[in-house]
C-alpha atoms as a PDB file:
ATOM      1  CA  MET A   1       6.699  11.254 146.688  1.00  0.00           C
ATOM      2  CA  ALA A   2       5.339  14.447 145.118  1.00  0.00           C
ATOM      3  CA  HIS A   3       6.603  13.290 141.732  1.00  0.00           C
ATOM      4  CA  GLY A   4       4.716   9.978 142.075  1.00  0.00           C
ATOM      5  CA  GLN A   5       1.557  11.715 143.099  1.00  0.00           C
ATOM      6  CA  GLY A   6       1.815  13.957 140.012  1.00  0.00           C
ATOM      7  CA  CYS A   7       2.085  10.915 137.692  1.00  0.00           C
ATOM      8  CA  VAL A   8      -0.985   9.351 139.269  1.00  0.00           C
ATOM      9  CA  ALA A   9      -2.921  12.568 138.879  1.00  0.00           C
ATOM     10  CA  ARG A  10      -1.946  12.900 135.198  1.00  0.00           C
ATOM     11  CA  SER A  11      -2.938   9.262 134.568  1.00  0.00           C
ATOM     12  CA  ARG A  12      -6.311   9.828 136.150  1.00  0.00           C
ATOM     13  CA  SER A  13      -6.764  12.959 134.040  1.00  0.00           C
ATOM     14  CA  ILE A  14      -5.947  11.090 130.818  1.00  0.00           C
ATOM     15  CA  ARG A  15      -8.353   8.279 131.695  1.00  0.00           C
ATOM     16  CA  GLY A  16     -11.065  10.797 132.443  1.00  0.00           C
ATOM     17  CA  ALA A  17     -10.524  12.544 129.122  1.00  0.00           C
ATOM     18  CA  LEU A  18     -10.701   9.250 127.243  1.00  0.00           C
ATOM     19  CA  ALA A  19     -13.903   8.305 129.030  1.00  0.00           C
ATOM     20  CA  GLY A  20     -15.433  11.621 128.016  1.00  0.00           C
ATOM     21  CA  ILE A  21     -14.441  11.130 124.374  1.00  0.00           C
ATOM     22  CA  LEU A  22     -15.917   7.602 124.296  1.00  0.00           C
ATOM     23  CA  ALA A  23     -19.148   8.818 125.865  1.00  0.00           C
ATOM     24  CA  ALA A  24     -19.428  11.551 123.244  1.00  0.00           C
ATOM     25  CA  LEU A  25     -18.851   9.063 120.445  1.00  0.00           C
ATOM     26  CA  ALA A  26     -21.525   6.775 121.852  1.00  0.00           C
ATOM     27  CA  VAL A  27     -24.025   9.630 121.797  1.00  0.00           C
ATOM     28  CA  VAL A  28     -23.159  10.474 118.176  1.00  0.00           C
ATOM     29  CA  ALA A  29     -23.376   6.840 117.055  1.00  0.00           C
ATOM     30  CA  ALA A  30     -26.712   6.170 118.763  1.00  0.00           C
ATOM     31  CA  PRO A  31     -29.580   5.989 116.267  1.00  0.00           C
ATOM     32  CA  PRO A  32     -32.128   8.764 116.452  1.00  0.00           C
ATOM     33  CA  PHE A  33     -35.419   7.977 118.079  1.00  0.00           C
ATOM     34  CA  ALA A  34     -37.652   6.329 115.446  1.00  0.00           C
ATOM     35  CA  ALA A  35     -41.257   7.342 115.576  1.00  0.00           C
ATOM     36  CA  PRO A  36     -43.662   4.407 115.202  1.00  0.00           C
ATOM     37  CA  ARG A  37     -44.761   3.935 111.569  1.00  0.00           C
ATOM     38  CA  PRO A  38     -48.428   4.767 111.125  1.00  0.00           C
ATOM     39  CA  PRO A  39     -50.533   1.691 110.375  1.00  0.00           C
ATOM     40  CA  ARG A  40     -51.185   1.088 106.666  1.00  0.00           C
ATOM     41  CA  PRO A  41     -54.760   2.024 105.864  1.00  0.00           C
ATOM     42  CA  ALA A  42     -57.017  -0.883 105.042  1.00  0.00           C
ATOM     43  CA  ARG A  43     -57.384  -1.364 101.278  1.00  0.00           C
ATOM     44  CA  GLU A  44     -60.849  -0.571 100.107  1.00  0.00           C
ATOM     45  CA  ARG A  45     -62.628  -2.818  97.672  1.00  0.00           C
ATOM     46  CA  SER A  46     -63.115  -1.149  94.325  1.00  0.00           C
ATOM     47  CA  ALA A  47     -66.401  -0.444  92.657  1.00  0.00           C
ATOM     48  CA  PRO A  48     -67.283  -3.325  90.307  1.00  0.00           C
ATOM     49  CA  VAL A  49     -66.497  -2.994  86.600  1.00  0.00           C
ATOM     50  CA  SER A  50     -68.593  -4.788  83.963  1.00  0.00           C
ATOM     51  CA  PHE A  51     -67.199  -5.927  80.631  1.00  0.00           C
ATOM     52  CA  ALA A  52     -68.313  -8.531  78.058  1.00  0.00           C
ATOM     53  CA  GLY A  53     -70.838 -10.008  80.484  1.00  0.00           C
ATOM     54  CA  MET A  54     -68.553 -10.365  83.497  1.00  0.00           C
ATOM     55  CA  THR A  55     -68.137  -8.294  86.646  1.00  0.00           C
ATOM     56  CA  LEU A  56     -64.639  -7.539  87.947  1.00  0.00           C
ATOM     57  CA  GLU A  57     -63.685  -6.359  91.435  1.00  0.00           C
ATOM     58  CA  ILE A  58     -60.489  -5.639  93.329  1.00  0.00           C
ATOM     59  CA  ARG A  59     -60.266  -8.051  96.268  1.00  0.00           C
ATOM     60  CA  ALA A  60     -57.226  -8.190  98.554  1.00  0.00           C
ATOM     61  CA  GLY A  61     -55.103  -6.494  95.935  1.00  0.00           C
ATOM     62  CA  ARG A  62     -56.139  -8.816  93.100  1.00  0.00           C
ATOM     63  CA  LEU A  63     -58.487  -8.339  90.150  1.00  0.00           C
ATOM     64  CA  VAL A  64     -61.151 -11.058  90.518  1.00  0.00           C
ATOM     65  CA  VAL A  65     -64.093 -12.127  88.351  1.00  0.00           C
ATOM     66  CA  SER A  66     -67.032 -11.878  90.740  1.00  0.00           C
ATOM     67  CA  ARG A  67     -69.878 -12.656  88.327  1.00  0.00           C
ATOM     68  CA  VAL A  68     -70.348 -14.078  84.821  1.00  0.00           C
ATOM     69  CA  GLU A  69     -73.622 -13.531  82.973  1.00  0.00           C
ATOM     70  CA  PRO A  70     -75.087 -16.587  81.227  1.00  0.00           C
ATOM     71  CA  GLU A  71     -74.781 -16.579  77.415  1.00  0.00           C
ATOM     72  CA  SER A  72     -72.281 -13.711  77.536  1.00  0.00           C
ATOM     73  CA  ALA A  73     -68.943 -13.453  75.741  1.00  0.00           C
ATOM     74  CA  ALA A  74     -67.206 -14.074  79.062  1.00  0.00           C
ATOM     75  CA  ALA A  75     -69.255 -17.234  79.668  1.00  0.00           C
ATOM     76  CA  ALA A  76     -68.594 -18.443  76.132  1.00  0.00           C
ATOM     77  CA  ALA A  77     -64.873 -17.967  76.667  1.00  0.00           C
ATOM     78  CA  GLY A  78     -64.995 -20.237  79.708  1.00  0.00           C
ATOM     79  CA  LEU A  79     -64.518 -17.649  82.469  1.00  0.00           C
ATOM     80  CA  LEU A  80     -65.862 -18.499  85.919  1.00  0.00           C
ATOM     81  CA  PRO A  81     -66.527 -16.550  89.134  1.00  0.00           C
ATOM     82  CA  LEU A  82     -63.448 -16.308  91.385  1.00  0.00           C
ATOM     83  CA  ASP A  83     -61.033 -16.484  88.433  1.00  0.00           C
ATOM     84  CA  THR A  84     -58.129 -14.144  89.205  1.00  0.00           C
ATOM     85  CA  VAL A  85     -56.899 -11.905  86.380  1.00  0.00           C
ATOM     86  CA  LEU A  86     -53.114 -12.194  86.137  1.00  0.00           C
ATOM     87  CA  VAL A  87     -52.540 -10.284  82.891  1.00  0.00           C
ATOM     88  CA  LEU A  88     -54.741  -7.638  81.263  1.00  0.00           C
ATOM     89  CA  ASN A  89     -53.543  -6.961  77.717  1.00  0.00           C
ATOM     90  CA  ASP A  90     -49.817  -6.345  78.356  1.00  0.00           C
ATOM     91  CA  LEU A  91     -50.267  -5.270  81.989  1.00  0.00           C
ATOM     92  CA  VAL A  92     -49.042  -7.872  84.483  1.00  0.00           C
ATOM     93  CA  LEU A  93     -51.372  -7.273  87.408  1.00  0.00           C
ATOM     94  CA  VAL A  94     -49.685  -9.609  89.868  1.00  0.00           C
ATOM     95  CA  ASP A  95     -46.674  -7.266  89.922  1.00  0.00           C
ATOM     96  CA  LEU A  96     -48.750  -4.298  91.120  1.00  0.00           C
ATOM     97  CA  ASP A  97     -49.446  -3.673  94.804  1.00  0.00           C
ATOM     98  CA  PRO A  98     -51.969  -2.289  95.111  1.00  0.00           C
ATOM     99  CA  ILE A  99     -53.719  -2.438  91.722  1.00  0.00           C
ATOM    100  CA  ALA A 100     -55.078   0.956  90.794  1.00  0.00           C
ATOM    101  CA  PRO A 101     -58.807   0.461  90.212  1.00  0.00           C
ATOM    102  CA  GLU A 102     -58.957   3.682  88.213  1.00  0.00           C
ATOM    103  CA  TYR A 103     -56.345   2.375  85.754  1.00  0.00           C
ATOM    104  CA  VAL A 104     -58.161  -0.924  85.286  1.00  0.00           C
ATOM    105  CA  MET A 105     -61.439   0.908  84.736  1.00  0.00           C
ATOM    106  CA  GLU A 106     -59.782   3.169  82.162  1.00  0.00           C
ATOM    107  CA  ILE A 107     -58.724   0.136  80.123  1.00  0.00           C
ATOM    108  CA  LEU A 108     -62.052  -1.678  80.380  1.00  0.00           C
ATOM    109  CA  ARG A 109     -64.361   1.299  79.990  1.00  0.00           C
ATOM    110  CA  GLY A 110     -62.365   3.474  77.620  1.00  0.00           C
ATOM    111  CA  ASP A 111     -64.015   4.435  74.349  1.00  0.00           C
ATOM    112  CA  LYS A 112     -61.107   2.962  72.361  1.00  0.00           C
ATOM    113  CA  THR A 113     -61.379  -0.443  74.036  1.00  0.00           C
ATOM    114  CA  ASP A 114     -62.764  -2.866  71.439  1.00  0.00           C
ATOM    115  CA  GLY A 115     -61.302  -6.003  72.955  1.00  0.00           C
ATOM    116  CA  ILE A 116     -58.981  -7.256  75.679  1.00  0.00           C
ATOM    117  CA  ARG A 117     -56.660 -10.188  76.279  1.00  0.00           C
ATOM    118  CA  LEU A 118     -56.882 -11.851  79.674  1.00  0.00           C
ATOM    119  CA  ILE A 119     -54.742 -14.469  81.357  1.00  0.00           C
ATOM    120  CA  VAL A 120     -56.600 -15.708  84.417  1.00  0.00           C
ATOM    121  CA  GLY A 121     -55.506 -18.008  87.202  1.00  0.00           C
ATOM    122  CA  ARG A 122     -57.731 -20.866  88.297  1.00  0.00           C
ATOM    123  CA  GLY A 123     -56.295 -23.171  90.926  1.00  0.00           C
ATOM    124  CA  ALA A 124     -52.850 -24.244  89.736  1.00  0.00           C
ATOM    125  CA  GLY A 125     -53.607 -23.550  86.068  1.00  0.00           C
ATOM    126  CA  THR A 126     -54.093 -20.565  83.778  1.00  0.00           C
ATOM    127  CA  LEU A 127     -56.436 -19.717  80.913  1.00  0.00           C
ATOM    128  CA  THR A 128     -55.901 -17.208  78.111  1.00  0.00           C
ATOM    129  CA  VAL A 129     -58.901 -15.610  76.385  1.00  0.00           C
ATOM    130  CA  TYR A 130     -59.713 -12.696  74.078  1.00  0.00           C
ATOM    131  CA  LEU A 131     -62.911 -10.788  74.818  1.00  0.00           C
ATOM    132  CA  LYS A 132     -64.918  -8.120  73.079  1.00  0.00           C
ATOM    133  CA  PRO A 133     -67.860  -6.207  74.521  1.00  0.00           C
ATOM    134  CA  ARG A 134     -71.347  -7.195  73.490  1.00  0.00           C
ATOM    135  CA  PRO A 135     -72.347  -5.484  70.202  1.00  0.00           C
ATOM    136  CA  GLU A 136     -74.755  -2.654  70.877  1.00  0.00           C
ATOM    137  CA  GLY A 137     -78.336  -3.247  69.900  1.00  0.00           C
ATOM    138  CA  VAL A 138     -77.978  -7.045  69.816  1.00  0.00           C
ATOM    139  CA  PRO A 139     -79.333  -8.417  73.115  1.00  0.00           C
ATOM    140  CA  GLY A 140     -77.558 -11.515  74.281  1.00  0.00           C
ATOM    141  CA  ALA A 141     -75.073 -11.461  71.409  1.00  0.00           C
ATOM    142  CA  ALA A 142     -71.443 -12.299  72.086  1.00  0.00           C
ATOM    143  CA  SER A 143     -68.693 -11.514  69.624  1.00  0.00           C
ATOM    144  CA  GLU A 144     -66.727 -14.592  70.642  1.00  0.00           C
ATOM    145  CA  GLY A 145     -69.456 -16.980  71.707  1.00  0.00           C
ATOM    146  CA  PRO A 146     -69.792 -20.636  70.805  1.00  0.00           C
ATOM    147  CA  ALA A 147     -70.232 -21.363  67.117  1.00  0.00           C
ATOM    148  CA  ALA A 148     -73.382 -23.188  66.028  1.00  0.00           C
ATOM    149  CA  GLY A 149     -71.142 -25.443  63.966  1.00  0.00           C
ATOM    150  CA  PRO A 150     -67.650 -25.586  62.474  1.00  0.00           C
ATOM    151  CA  ALA A 151     -66.616 -22.566  60.431  1.00  0.00           C
ATOM    152  CA  ALA A 152     -66.878 -23.109  56.683  1.00  0.00           C
ATOM    153  CA  PRO A 153     -63.789 -23.278  54.444  1.00  0.00           C
ATOM    154  CA  GLY A 154     -62.866 -19.825  53.212  1.00  0.00           C
ATOM    155  CA  SER A 155     -63.979 -18.097  56.414  1.00  0.00           C
ATOM    156  CA  GLU A 156     -61.542 -16.506  58.826  1.00  0.00           C
ATOM    157  CA  ALA A 157     -60.244 -18.851  61.516  1.00  0.00           C
ATOM    158  CA  PRO A 158     -61.173 -17.557  65.002  1.00  0.00           C
ATOM    159  CA  PHE A 159     -58.162 -16.254  66.910  1.00  0.00           C
ATOM    160  CA  PHE A 160     -57.101 -17.872  70.172  1.00  0.00           C
ATOM    161  CA  SER A 161     -54.021 -18.245  72.311  1.00  0.00           C
ATOM    162  CA  GLY A 162     -52.807 -20.484  75.103  1.00  0.00           C
ATOM    163  CA  ARG A 163     -49.752 -22.014  76.723  1.00  0.00           C
ATOM    164  CA  ASP A 164     -48.446 -25.252  75.305  1.00  0.00           C
ATOM    165  CA  GLN A 165     -46.986 -28.213  77.175  1.00  0.00           C
ATOM    166  CA  LYS A 166     -43.636 -26.417  77.447  1.00  0.00           C
ATOM    167  CA  GLY A 167     -45.134 -23.203  78.827  1.00  0.00           C
ATOM    168  CA  GLU A 168     -44.733 -21.257  75.577  1.00  0.00           C
ATOM    169  CA  GLU A 169     -47.459 -18.761  74.725  1.00  0.00           C
ATOM    170  CA  ILE A 170     -48.985 -19.719  71.372  1.00  0.00           C
ATOM    171  CA  SER A 171     -51.174 -17.278  69.433  1.00  0.00           C
ATOM    172  CA  LEU A 172     -52.920 -18.123  66.169  1.00  0.00           C
ATOM    173  CA  LYS A 173     -52.856 -14.444  65.243  1.00  0.00           C
ATOM    174  CA  ALA A 174     -49.074 -14.351  65.593  1.00  0.00           C
ATOM    175  CA  LEU A 175     -48.809 -17.303  63.198  1.00  0.00           C
ATOM    176  CA  ARG A 176     -50.392 -15.382  60.314  1.00  0.00           C
ATOM    177  CA  GLY A 177     -48.320 -16.048  57.202  1.00  0.00           C
ATOM    178  CA  LYS A 178     -47.784 -19.737  58.051  1.00  0.00           C
ATOM    179  CA  PRO A 179     -49.974 -22.789  57.385  1.00  0.00           C
ATOM    180  CA  VAL A 180     -51.363 -24.124  60.661  1.00  0.00           C
ATOM    181  CA  LEU A 181     -52.999 -27.469  61.427  1.00  0.00           C
ATOM    182  CA  ILE A 182     -55.242 -27.360  64.524  1.00  0.00           C
ATOM    183  CA  ASP A 183     -55.981 -30.831  65.900  1.00  0.00           C
ATOM    184  CA  PHE A 184     -58.701 -31.323  68.541  1.00  0.00           C
ATOM    185  CA  TRP A 185     -58.391 -34.462  70.683  1.00  0.00           C
ATOM    186  CA  ALA A 186     -58.802 -35.970  74.151  1.00  0.00           C
ATOM    187  CA  SER A 187     -57.168 -38.828  76.004  1.00  0.00           C
ATOM    188  CA  TRP A 188     -60.551 -40.556  76.485  1.00  0.00           C
ATOM    189  CA  CYS A 189     -61.210 -40.522  72.711  1.00  0.00           C
ATOM    190  CA  ALA A 190     -60.267 -43.943  71.264  1.00  0.00           C
ATOM    191  CA  PRO A 191     -60.080 -42.779  67.600  1.00  0.00           C
ATOM    192  CA  CYS A 192     -57.719 -39.990  68.701  1.00  0.00           C
ATOM    193  CA  ARG A 193     -55.050 -42.585  69.451  1.00  0.00           C
ATOM    194  CA  GLN A 194     -55.003 -43.741  65.816  1.00  0.00           C
ATOM    195  CA  SER A 195     -55.208 -40.137  64.611  1.00  0.00           C
ATOM    196  CA  ALA A 196     -52.083 -39.338  66.653  1.00  0.00           C
ATOM    197  CA  ILE A 197     -50.087 -41.740  64.455  1.00  0.00           C
ATOM    198  CA  THR A 198     -51.172 -39.879  61.296  1.00  0.00           C
ATOM    199  CA  LEU A 199     -50.484 -36.537  62.942  1.00  0.00           C
ATOM    200  CA  ARG A 200     -46.903 -37.539  63.770  1.00  0.00           C
ATOM    201  CA  ARG A 201     -46.328 -38.703  60.194  1.00  0.00           C
ATOM    202  CA  LEU A 202     -47.692 -35.478  58.694  1.00  0.00           C
ATOM    203  CA  ALA A 203     -45.602 -33.374  61.088  1.00  0.00           C
ATOM    204  CA  ASP A 204     -42.478 -35.286  60.027  1.00  0.00           C
ATOM    205  CA  GLU A 205     -43.259 -35.069  56.299  1.00  0.00           C
ATOM    206  CA  HIS A 206     -43.852 -31.315  56.435  1.00  0.00           C
ATOM    207  CA  ALA A 207     -41.346 -30.388  59.142  1.00  0.00           C
ATOM    208  CA  GLY A 208     -40.436 -26.706  58.923  1.00  0.00           C
ATOM    209  CA  ARG A 209     -43.372 -25.990  56.581  1.00  0.00           C
ATOM    210  CA  LEU A 210     -46.395 -26.665  58.809  1.00  0.00           C
ATOM    211  CA  VAL A 211     -47.220 -25.498  62.345  1.00  0.00           C
ATOM    212  CA  VAL A 212     -49.114 -28.102  64.371  1.00  0.00           C
ATOM    213  CA  ILE A 213     -51.311 -27.016  67.297  1.00  0.00           C
ATOM    214  CA  GLY A 214     -53.088 -29.685  69.299  1.00  0.00           C
ATOM    215  CA  VAL A 215     -56.015 -28.753  71.534  1.00  0.00           C
ATOM    216  CA  SER A 216     -56.939 -31.179  74.325  1.00  0.00           C
ATOM    217  CA  LEU A 217     -60.530 -31.353  75.542  1.00  0.00           C
ATOM    218  CA  ASP A 218     -59.530 -33.286  78.664  1.00  0.00           C
ATOM    219  CA  ASP A 219     -61.046 -32.150  81.967  1.00  0.00           C
ATOM    220  CA  ASP A 220     -57.862 -32.994  83.896  1.00  0.00           C
ATOM    221  CA  ARG A 221     -54.298 -31.994  83.113  1.00  0.00           C
ATOM    222  CA  ARG A 222     -52.820 -35.319  84.188  1.00  0.00           C
ATOM    223  CA  PRO A 223     -54.298 -37.489  81.401  1.00  0.00           C
ATOM    224  CA  TYR A 224     -53.618 -34.655  78.940  1.00  0.00           C
ATOM    225  CA  GLU A 225     -49.924 -34.570  79.874  1.00  0.00           C
ATOM    226  CA  ALA A 226     -49.679 -38.358  79.856  1.00  0.00           C
ATOM    227  CA  PHE A 227     -51.251 -38.594  76.383  1.00  0.00           C
ATOM    228  CA  VAL A 228     -48.905 -35.953  74.965  1.00  0.00           C
ATOM    229  CA  TYR A 229     -45.906 -37.795  76.390  1.00  0.00           C
ATOM    230  CA  ASN A 230     -46.947 -41.379  75.619  1.00  0.00           C
ATOM    231  CA  HIS A 231     -48.059 -40.667  72.052  1.00  0.00           C
ATOM    232  CA  HIS A 232     -45.185 -38.294  71.254  1.00  0.00           C
ATOM    233  CA  LEU A 233     -47.558 -35.631  69.965  1.00  0.00           C
ATOM    234  CA  PRO A 234     -45.766 -33.117  67.734  1.00  0.00           C
ATOM    235  CA  GLY A 235     -45.940 -29.336  67.687  1.00  0.00           C
ATOM    236  CA  HIS A 236     -47.648 -27.241  70.349  1.00  0.00           C
ATOM    237  CA  GLN A 237     -50.194 -28.984  72.579  1.00  0.00           C
ATOM    238  CA  ILE A 238     -52.669 -26.829  74.528  1.00  0.00           C
ATOM    239  CA  PHE A 239     -54.919 -27.874  77.418  1.00  0.00           C
ATOM    240  CA  ASP A 240     -58.382 -26.373  76.764  1.00  0.00           C
ATOM    241  CA  GLY A 241     -59.946 -27.442  80.068  1.00  0.00           C
ATOM    242  CA  GLY A 242     -62.772 -29.770  79.024  1.00  0.00           C
ATOM    243  CA  ARG A 243     -65.477 -30.350  76.431  1.00  0.00           C
ATOM    244  CA  GLU A 244     -66.678 -26.770  76.918  1.00  0.00           C
ATOM    245  CA  GLY A 245     -63.229 -25.188  76.711  1.00  0.00           C
ATOM    246  CA  PRO A 246     -62.980 -21.754  75.070  1.00  0.00           C
ATOM    247  CA  ILE A 247     -61.046 -22.865  71.963  1.00  0.00           C
ATOM    248  CA  GLY A 248     -63.343 -25.808  71.334  1.00  0.00           C
ATOM    249  CA  ARG A 249     -66.366 -23.523  71.633  1.00  0.00           C
ATOM    250  CA  LEU A 250     -64.899 -21.080  69.141  1.00  0.00           C
ATOM    251  CA  TYR A 251     -64.577 -23.868  66.582  1.00  0.00           C
ATOM    252  CA  GLY A 252     -67.947 -25.524  67.275  1.00  0.00           C
ATOM    253  CA  ILE A 253     -66.413 -28.815  68.399  1.00  0.00           C
ATOM    254  CA  ARG A 254     -69.559 -29.661  70.346  1.00  0.00           C
ATOM    255  CA  SER A 255     -71.303 -30.342  67.028  1.00  0.00           C
ATOM    256  CA  THR A 256     -68.402 -32.070  65.265  1.00  0.00           C
ATOM    257  CA  GLY A 257     -67.054 -34.489  67.847  1.00  0.00           C
ATOM    258  CA  ILE A 258     -63.414 -35.532  67.964  1.00  0.00           C
ATOM    259  CA  PRO A 259     -60.947 -36.152  66.518  1.00  0.00           C
ATOM    260  CA  PHE A 260     -61.444 -33.040  64.415  1.00  0.00           C
ATOM    261  CA  SER A 261     -58.855 -30.951  62.595  1.00  0.00           C
ATOM    262  CA  VAL A 262     -58.835 -27.530  60.980  1.00  0.00           C
ATOM    263  CA  LEU A 263     -56.271 -26.442  58.391  1.00  0.00           C
ATOM    264  CA  VAL A 264     -55.600 -22.696  58.334  1.00  0.00           C
ATOM    265  CA  ASP A 265     -53.868 -21.106  55.351  1.00  0.00           C
ATOM    266  CA  PRO A 266     -51.171 -18.382  55.637  1.00  0.00           C
ATOM    267  CA  GLU A 267     -53.836 -15.667  55.214  1.00  0.00           C
ATOM    268  CA  GLY A 268     -55.687 -16.910  58.294  1.00  0.00           C
ATOM    269  CA  ARG A 269     -58.587 -18.520  56.401  1.00  0.00           C
ATOM    270  CA  ILE A 270     -59.853 -22.049  56.916  1.00  0.00           C
ATOM    271  CA  ALA A 271     -58.607 -24.156  54.001  1.00  0.00           C
ATOM    272  CA  ALA A 272     -60.097 -27.486  55.085  1.00  0.00           C
ATOM    273  CA  SER A 273     -61.570 -29.250  58.099  1.00  0.00           C
ATOM    274  CA  GLY A 274     -62.794 -32.687  59.022  1.00  0.00           C
ATOM    275  CA  GLY A 275     -62.627 -35.657  61.317  1.00  0.00           C
ATOM    276  CA  SER A 276     -60.073 -37.552  59.231  1.00  0.00           C
ATOM    277  CA  LEU A 277     -56.538 -36.304  58.768  1.00  0.00           C
ATOM    278  CA  GLN A 278     -56.101 -38.693  55.861  1.00  0.00           C
ATOM    279  CA  GLU A 279     -58.802 -36.826  53.916  1.00  0.00           C
ATOM    280  CA  MET A 280     -56.927 -33.550  54.500  1.00  0.00           C
ATOM    281  CA  GLU A 281     -53.513 -34.758  53.372  1.00  0.00           C
ATOM    282  CA  GLY A 282     -53.859 -33.297  49.873  1.00  0.00           C
ATOM    283  CA  ALA A 283     -54.766 -29.826  51.168  1.00  0.00           C
ATOM    284  CA  ILE A 284     -51.957 -29.990  53.745  1.00  0.00           C
ATOM    285  CA  ALA A 285     -49.408 -30.962  51.083  1.00  0.00           C
ATOM    286  CA  ARG A 286     -50.498 -28.115  48.781  1.00  0.00           C
ATOM    287  CA  LEU A 287     -50.189 -25.475  51.490  1.00  0.00           C
ATOM    288  CA  ALA A 288     -46.905 -26.838  52.843  1.00  0.00           C
ATOM    289  CA  ALA A 289     -45.438 -26.942  49.317  1.00  0.00           C
ATOM    290  CA  ALA A 290     -46.388 -23.367  48.474  1.00  0.00           C
ATOM    291  CA  PRO A 291     -43.349 -21.248  47.441  1.00  0.00           C
ATOM    292  CA  GLY A 292     -41.655 -19.525  50.355  1.00  0.00           C
ATOM    293  CA  THR A 293     -43.438 -21.571  52.993  1.00  0.00           C
ATOM    294  CA  ARG A 294     -41.139 -21.985  55.993  1.00  0.00           C
ATOM    295  CA  THR A 295     -42.641 -21.942  59.456  1.00  0.00           C
ATOM    296  CA  GLY A 296     -39.432 -21.674  61.439  1.00  0.00           C
ATOM    297  CA  SER A 297     -40.952 -23.848  64.196  1.00  0.00           C
END
């Protein structure tokens, strides 16, 4: 009997020791008490920054155009209040949280800033513009405002950029060294339908030697996209956002009407322009046939 009682006692002792070990392990494994995280301070709105006739503010972590002065470079480029800046030069602002107002101000107000590239969001679309501050001593002047008329042959073609129908960023400046044909059109323009046939033929004849950029003055993307698809428009087709779009204003399309085309030589100068592509065929052929001309597009 004593031997049996001893076994029971040892068993109880072992179970007690195991219970103590498990309790100790539970204490070690328990997570430390986590202090409540302090609430994130409310983001303050930044002081407004003015540039090229527009006012920019930080709102809810985004850089927003809050005001556009009439007849300014910003107005001429087609910017509107409540446009959201997505890219400033090479800085992708939508990836920053929060945006540092001081850094934005340094770019826009720095002494070395003579121009900026903006990609702004408006609804479901985007717009790319280049802006320069107003020249000092010239009230109301805008370095990239609307032209009174089309630029004359021999003058430098105004730079612009935009996304084509495939989402590719197209920059006229980056195409320096290649002949470029810029074709302005709209889906509501009846003569543009016939011009599209000539444009396709020219693009085929000079494939690999001529870059074609179409610029649509449609107000709505849907007819623009349908026209590009149905008429098999060649090259890069850009939606300019209406009759007062920034690219059309740069080239004075308001005074020319459409269709209207501009031929740019490899040095970036306007070689020819007009409402009839047939009248420009000779100039196009001469540029495309120049020695060493290969566009690679």
